[in-house]
Amino acid sequence: KRLYSQKLKSLQKDVKTVFGENCPLRTGAAGTSLALTLPFSGSSSALKEKAEQSGLALSFFKEKEQETTVVLSCSSMPVADFVPACKLLKNISQIQN
């Protein structure tokens, strides 16, 4: 439990570093994931396809017009991969259909 708490704090810090301090971010109930809302005018399936083509697996929480909320889990990757994965996600989410 302590390990995941530390990893989640690292993930939060790295997400804020890449996406900005005021990024829409919520902690999941289990304490091992974050919900990040991205401005994205395409569909979640288009975002998922772009992510998979880049080697990034995404889980979606909610999709509304002009934004998509993805779930980021700290349990599925090492801390050293958080920043590169966040940068990749930011890059693919900025590519509009």
N, C-alpha and C. Protein backbone atom coordinates (compact mmCIF):
# COMPACT_ATOMS: atom_id res chain seq x y z
N LYS A 1 0.83 -1.20 0.00
CA LYS A 1 0.00 0.00 0.00
C LYS A 1 0.88 1.26 0.00
N ARG A 2 1.95 1.22 0.77
CA ARG A 2 2.86 2.36 0.84
C ARG A 2 3.54 2.59 -0.51
N LEU A 3 3.94 1.50 -1.18
CA LEU A 3 4.57 1.61 -2.50
C LEU A 3 3.64 2.30 -3.49
N TYR A 4 2.37 1.87 -3.54
CA TYR A 4 1.43 2.49 -4.49
C TYR A 4 1.13 3.93 -4.13
N SER A 5 1.12 4.25 -2.85
CA SER A 5 0.91 5.63 -2.43
C SER A 5 2.04 6.52 -2.93
N GLN A 6 3.27 6.05 -2.81
CA GLN A 6 4.42 6.80 -3.30
C GLN A 6 4.41 6.91 -4.83
N LYS A 7 4.07 5.80 -5.50
CA LYS A 7 4.01 5.82 -6.96
C LYS A 7 2.92 6.77 -7.45
N LEU A 8 1.77 6.78 -6.78
CA LEU A 8 0.69 7.67 -7.18
C LEU A 8 1.10 9.14 -7.03
N LYS A 9 1.80 9.46 -5.95
CA LYS A 9 2.28 10.83 -5.76
C LYS A 9 3.26 11.20 -6.86
N SER A 10 4.12 10.27 -7.25
CA SER A 10 5.06 10.53 -8.35
C SER A 10 4.31 10.75 -9.66
N LEU A 11 3.29 9.92 -9.90
CA LEU A 11 2.50 10.06 -11.12
C LEU A 11 1.79 11.41 -11.15
N GLN A 12 1.20 11.81 -10.04
CA GLN A 12 0.53 13.12 -9.95
C GLN A 12 1.50 14.24 -10.27
N LYS A 13 2.67 14.19 -9.67
CA LYS A 13 3.69 15.22 -9.88
C LYS A 13 4.11 15.26 -11.35
N ASP A 14 4.34 14.10 -11.94
CA ASP A 14 4.79 14.04 -13.33
C ASP A 14 3.69 14.48 -14.30
N VAL A 15 2.45 14.13 -14.03
CA VAL A 15 1.33 14.57 -14.88
C VAL A 15 1.23 16.09 -14.83
N LYS A 16 1.34 16.67 -13.65
CA LYS A 16 1.26 18.13 -13.51
C LYS A 16 2.45 18.81 -14.18
N THR A 17 3.62 18.17 -14.14
CA THR A 17 4.79 18.72 -14.81
C THR A 17 4.58 18.77 -16.31
N VAL A 18 4.03 17.72 -16.88
CA VAL A 18 3.84 17.63 -18.33
C VAL A 18 2.61 18.41 -18.80
N PHE A 19 1.49 18.28 -18.09
CA PHE A 19 0.23 18.87 -18.54
C PHE A 19 -0.07 20.22 -17.90
N GLY A 20 0.70 20.62 -16.92
CA GLY A 20 0.48 21.90 -16.24
C GLY A 20 -0.15 21.71 -14.87
N GLU A 21 0.13 22.63 -13.99
CA GLU A 21 -0.35 22.56 -12.60
C GLU A 21 -1.87 22.49 -12.49
N ASN A 22 -2.56 23.14 -13.40
CA ASN A 22 -4.02 23.22 -13.30
C ASN A 22 -4.74 22.20 -14.18
N CYS A 23 -4.06 21.12 -14.54
CA CYS A 23 -4.71 20.11 -15.37
C CYS A 23 -5.84 19.44 -14.58
N PRO A 24 -6.95 19.10 -15.25
CA PRO A 24 -8.07 18.46 -14.58
C PRO A 24 -7.70 17.01 -14.21
N LEU A 25 -7.47 16.78 -12.93
CA LEU A 25 -6.94 15.51 -12.44
C LEU A 25 -7.66 15.11 -11.16
N ARG A 26 -8.10 13.84 -11.12
CA ARG A 26 -8.78 13.32 -9.91
C ARG A 26 -8.15 11.98 -9.54
N THR A 27 -8.06 11.71 -8.25
CA THR A 27 -7.52 10.45 -7.77
C THR A 27 -8.63 9.41 -7.73
N GLY A 28 -8.31 8.19 -8.19
CA GLY A 28 -9.27 7.10 -8.17
C GLY A 28 -9.53 6.60 -6.77
N ALA A 29 -10.64 5.93 -6.57
CA ALA A 29 -11.05 5.46 -5.25
C ALA A 29 -10.07 4.46 -4.65
N ALA A 30 -9.44 3.63 -5.48
CA ALA A 30 -8.53 2.61 -4.97
C ALA A 30 -7.16 3.17 -4.60
N GLY A 31 -6.87 4.39 -5.03
CA GLY A 31 -5.59 5.01 -4.71
C GLY A 31 -4.43 4.54 -5.57
N THR A 32 -4.74 3.94 -6.71
CA THR A 32 -3.68 3.49 -7.62
C THR A 32 -3.82 4.10 -9.00
N SER A 33 -4.78 5.00 -9.17
CA SER A 33 -4.99 5.58 -10.50
C SER A 33 -5.44 7.03 -10.40
N LEU A 34 -5.29 7.71 -11.53
CA LEU A 34 -5.72 9.09 -11.69
C LEU A 34 -6.62 9.18 -12.91
N ALA A 35 -7.58 10.08 -12.86
CA ALA A 35 -8.41 10.38 -14.02
C ALA A 35 -7.96 11.74 -14.54
N LEU A 36 -7.51 11.77 -15.79
CA LEU A 36 -7.01 12.98 -16.41
C LEU A 36 -7.92 13.35 -17.58
N THR A 37 -8.46 14.57 -17.55
CA THR A 37 -9.32 15.03 -18.62
C THR A 37 -8.49 15.81 -19.64
N LEU A 38 -8.56 15.33 -20.88
CA LEU A 38 -7.79 15.92 -21.98
C LEU A 38 -8.71 16.65 -22.93
N PRO A 39 -8.31 17.84 -23.40
CA PRO A 39 -9.07 18.47 -24.46
C PRO A 39 -8.80 17.70 -25.76
N PHE A 40 -9.80 17.09 -26.33
CA PHE A 40 -9.62 16.28 -27.53
C PHE A 40 -10.92 16.28 -28.30
N SER A 41 -10.89 16.79 -29.52
CA SER A 41 -12.13 16.92 -30.28
C SER A 41 -12.50 15.64 -31.03
N GLY A 42 -11.58 14.68 -31.10
CA GLY A 42 -11.88 13.42 -31.76
C GLY A 42 -12.58 12.46 -30.82
N SER A 43 -12.83 11.27 -31.30
CA SER A 43 -13.49 10.26 -30.47
C SER A 43 -12.45 9.53 -29.62
N SER A 44 -12.93 8.89 -28.55
CA SER A 44 -12.01 8.13 -27.70
C SER A 44 -11.39 6.98 -28.49
N SER A 45 -12.13 6.42 -29.45
CA SER A 45 -11.56 5.33 -30.25
C SER A 45 -10.40 5.84 -31.11
N ALA A 46 -10.51 7.06 -31.63
CA ALA A 46 -9.42 7.65 -32.41
C ALA A 46 -8.20 7.89 -31.52
N LEU A 47 -8.43 8.39 -30.33
CA LEU A 47 -7.34 8.62 -29.38
C LEU A 47 -6.69 7.29 -28.98
N LYS A 48 -7.53 6.29 -28.73
CA LYS A 48 -7.01 4.98 -28.35
C LYS A 48 -6.16 4.38 -29.47
N GLU A 49 -6.62 4.53 -30.70
CA GLU A 49 -5.87 4.01 -31.85
C GLU A 49 -4.51 4.70 -31.98
N LYS A 50 -4.50 6.02 -31.83
CA LYS A 50 -3.25 6.77 -31.90
C LYS A 50 -2.31 6.36 -30.77
N ALA A 51 -2.86 6.14 -29.59
CA ALA A 51 -2.05 5.72 -28.45
C ALA A 51 -1.44 4.34 -28.70
N GLU A 52 -2.27 3.41 -29.17
CA GLU A 52 -1.77 2.05 -29.44
C GLU A 52 -0.70 2.05 -30.51
N GLN A 53 -0.85 2.88 -31.53
CA GLN A 53 0.17 2.98 -32.58
C GLN A 53 1.49 3.50 -32.02
N SER A 54 1.41 4.24 -30.92
CA SER A 54 2.61 4.78 -30.27
C SER A 54 3.11 3.89 -29.13
N GLY A 55 2.42 2.76 -28.90
CA GLY A 55 2.84 1.83 -27.85
C GLY A 55 2.29 2.16 -26.47
N LEU A 56 1.23 2.93 -26.41
CA LEU A 56 0.64 3.35 -25.14
C LEU A 56 -0.76 2.78 -25.03
N ALA A 57 -1.04 2.03 -23.96
CA ALA A 57 -2.37 1.47 -23.74
C ALA A 57 -3.17 2.44 -22.88
N LEU A 58 -4.37 2.79 -23.32
CA LEU A 58 -5.22 3.73 -22.59
C LEU A 58 -6.51 3.07 -22.13
N SER A 59 -6.97 3.50 -20.96
CA SER A 59 -8.29 3.14 -20.46
C SER A 59 -9.09 4.44 -20.36
N PHE A 60 -10.34 4.39 -20.76
CA PHE A 60 -11.16 5.60 -20.77
C PHE A 60 -12.18 5.56 -19.66
N PHE A 61 -12.40 6.73 -19.08
CA PHE A 61 -13.36 6.88 -18.00
C PHE A 61 -14.63 7.54 -18.51
N LYS A 62 -14.47 8.62 -19.29
CA LYS A 62 -15.62 9.39 -19.74
C LYS A 62 -15.25 10.15 -21.00
N GLU A 63 -16.24 10.30 -21.86
CA GLU A 63 -16.03 11.07 -23.09
C GLU A 63 -17.18 12.05 -23.25
N LYS A 64 -16.83 13.32 -23.43
CA LYS A 64 -17.80 14.37 -23.72
C LYS A 64 -17.31 15.11 -24.94
N GLU A 65 -18.15 15.95 -25.49
CA GLU A 65 -17.74 16.74 -26.64
C GLU A 65 -16.55 17.62 -26.26
N GLN A 66 -15.51 17.57 -27.07
CA GLN A 66 -14.29 18.36 -26.91
C GLN A 66 -13.38 17.90 -25.77
N GLU A 67 -13.69 16.80 -25.09
CA GLU A 67 -12.78 16.30 -24.05
C GLU A 67 -12.99 14.82 -23.79
N THR A 68 -11.93 14.19 -23.35
CA THR A 68 -11.94 12.78 -23.02
C THR A 68 -11.20 12.59 -21.71
N THR A 69 -11.73 11.78 -20.82
CA THR A 69 -11.07 11.50 -19.55
C THR A 69 -10.47 10.11 -19.61
N VAL A 70 -9.17 10.03 -19.37
CA VAL A 70 -8.46 8.75 -19.39
C VAL A 70 -8.04 8.39 -17.97
N VAL A 71 -7.88 7.10 -17.75
CA VAL A 71 -7.43 6.59 -16.45
C VAL A 71 -5.96 6.25 -16.57
N LEU A 72 -5.16 6.81 -15.67
CA LEU A 72 -3.73 6.55 -15.63
C LEU A 72 -3.44 5.73 -14.37
N SER A 73 -2.87 4.56 -14.54
CA SER A 73 -2.58 3.69 -13.41
C SER A 73 -1.09 3.73 -13.07
N CYS A 74 -0.79 3.87 -11.80
CA CYS A 74 0.60 3.87 -11.37
C CYS A 74 1.12 2.45 -11.15
N SER A 75 0.22 1.48 -11.16
CA SER A 75 0.64 0.10 -10.85
C SER A 75 1.20 -0.63 -12.05
N SER A 76 0.91 -0.16 -13.25
CA SER A 76 1.26 -0.92 -14.44
C SER A 76 2.58 -0.53 -15.09
N MET A 77 3.28 0.47 -14.54
CA MET A 77 4.56 0.85 -15.14
C MET A 77 5.52 1.38 -14.09
N PRO A 78 6.82 1.31 -14.37
CA PRO A 78 7.80 1.85 -13.43
C PRO A 78 7.75 3.38 -13.40
N VAL A 79 8.13 3.95 -12.28
CA VAL A 79 8.11 5.40 -12.08
C VAL A 79 8.93 6.11 -13.16
N ALA A 80 10.03 5.53 -13.58
CA ALA A 80 10.89 6.15 -14.59
C ALA A 80 10.17 6.34 -15.93
N ASP A 81 9.11 5.61 -16.17
CA ASP A 81 8.37 5.71 -17.43
C ASP A 81 7.22 6.72 -17.38
N PHE A 82 6.93 7.30 -16.22
CA PHE A 82 5.79 8.21 -16.09
C PHE A 82 5.93 9.43 -16.99
N VAL A 83 7.06 10.13 -16.93
CA VAL A 83 7.23 11.35 -17.73
C VAL A 83 7.20 11.05 -19.22
N PRO A 84 7.98 10.05 -19.71
CA PRO A 84 7.89 9.76 -21.15
C PRO A 84 6.48 9.38 -21.60
N ALA A 85 5.76 8.62 -20.78
CA ALA A 85 4.39 8.22 -21.15
C ALA A 85 3.46 9.44 -21.16
N CYS A 86 3.62 10.33 -20.19
CA CYS A 86 2.80 11.55 -20.15
C CYS A 86 3.08 12.43 -21.35
N LYS A 87 4.35 12.57 -21.72
CA LYS A 87 4.70 13.38 -22.90
C LYS A 87 4.10 12.77 -24.16
N LEU A 88 4.16 11.46 -24.27
CA LEU A 88 3.58 10.78 -25.42
C LEU A 88 2.07 11.01 -25.47
N LEU A 89 1.41 10.86 -24.33
CA LEU A 89 -0.04 11.09 -24.26
C LEU A 89 -0.38 12.53 -24.64
N LYS A 90 0.39 13.47 -24.14
CA LYS A 90 0.13 14.87 -24.47
C LYS A 90 0.28 15.10 -25.98
N ASN A 91 1.32 14.54 -26.57
CA ASN A 91 1.54 14.71 -28.01
C ASN A 91 0.40 14.11 -28.84
N ILE A 92 -0.02 12.89 -28.52
CA ILE A 92 -1.07 12.26 -29.33
C ILE A 92 -2.42 12.91 -29.09
N SER A 93 -2.65 13.46 -27.90
CA SER A 93 -3.95 14.10 -27.63
C SER A 93 -4.05 15.46 -28.30
N GLN A 94 -2.93 16.03 -28.73
CA GLN A 94 -2.95 17.32 -29.41
C GLN A 94 -3.14 17.18 -30.91
N ILE A 95 -3.04 15.94 -31.41
CA ILE A 95 -3.28 15.68 -32.83
C ILE A 95 -4.78 15.51 -33.02
N GLN A 96 -5.41 16.41 -33.70
CA GLN A 96 -6.86 16.38 -33.87
C GLN A 96 -7.21 15.64 -35.16
N ASN A 97 -8.41 15.08 -35.19
CA ASN A 97 -8.90 14.42 -36.40
C ASN A 97 -9.25 15.44 -37.46
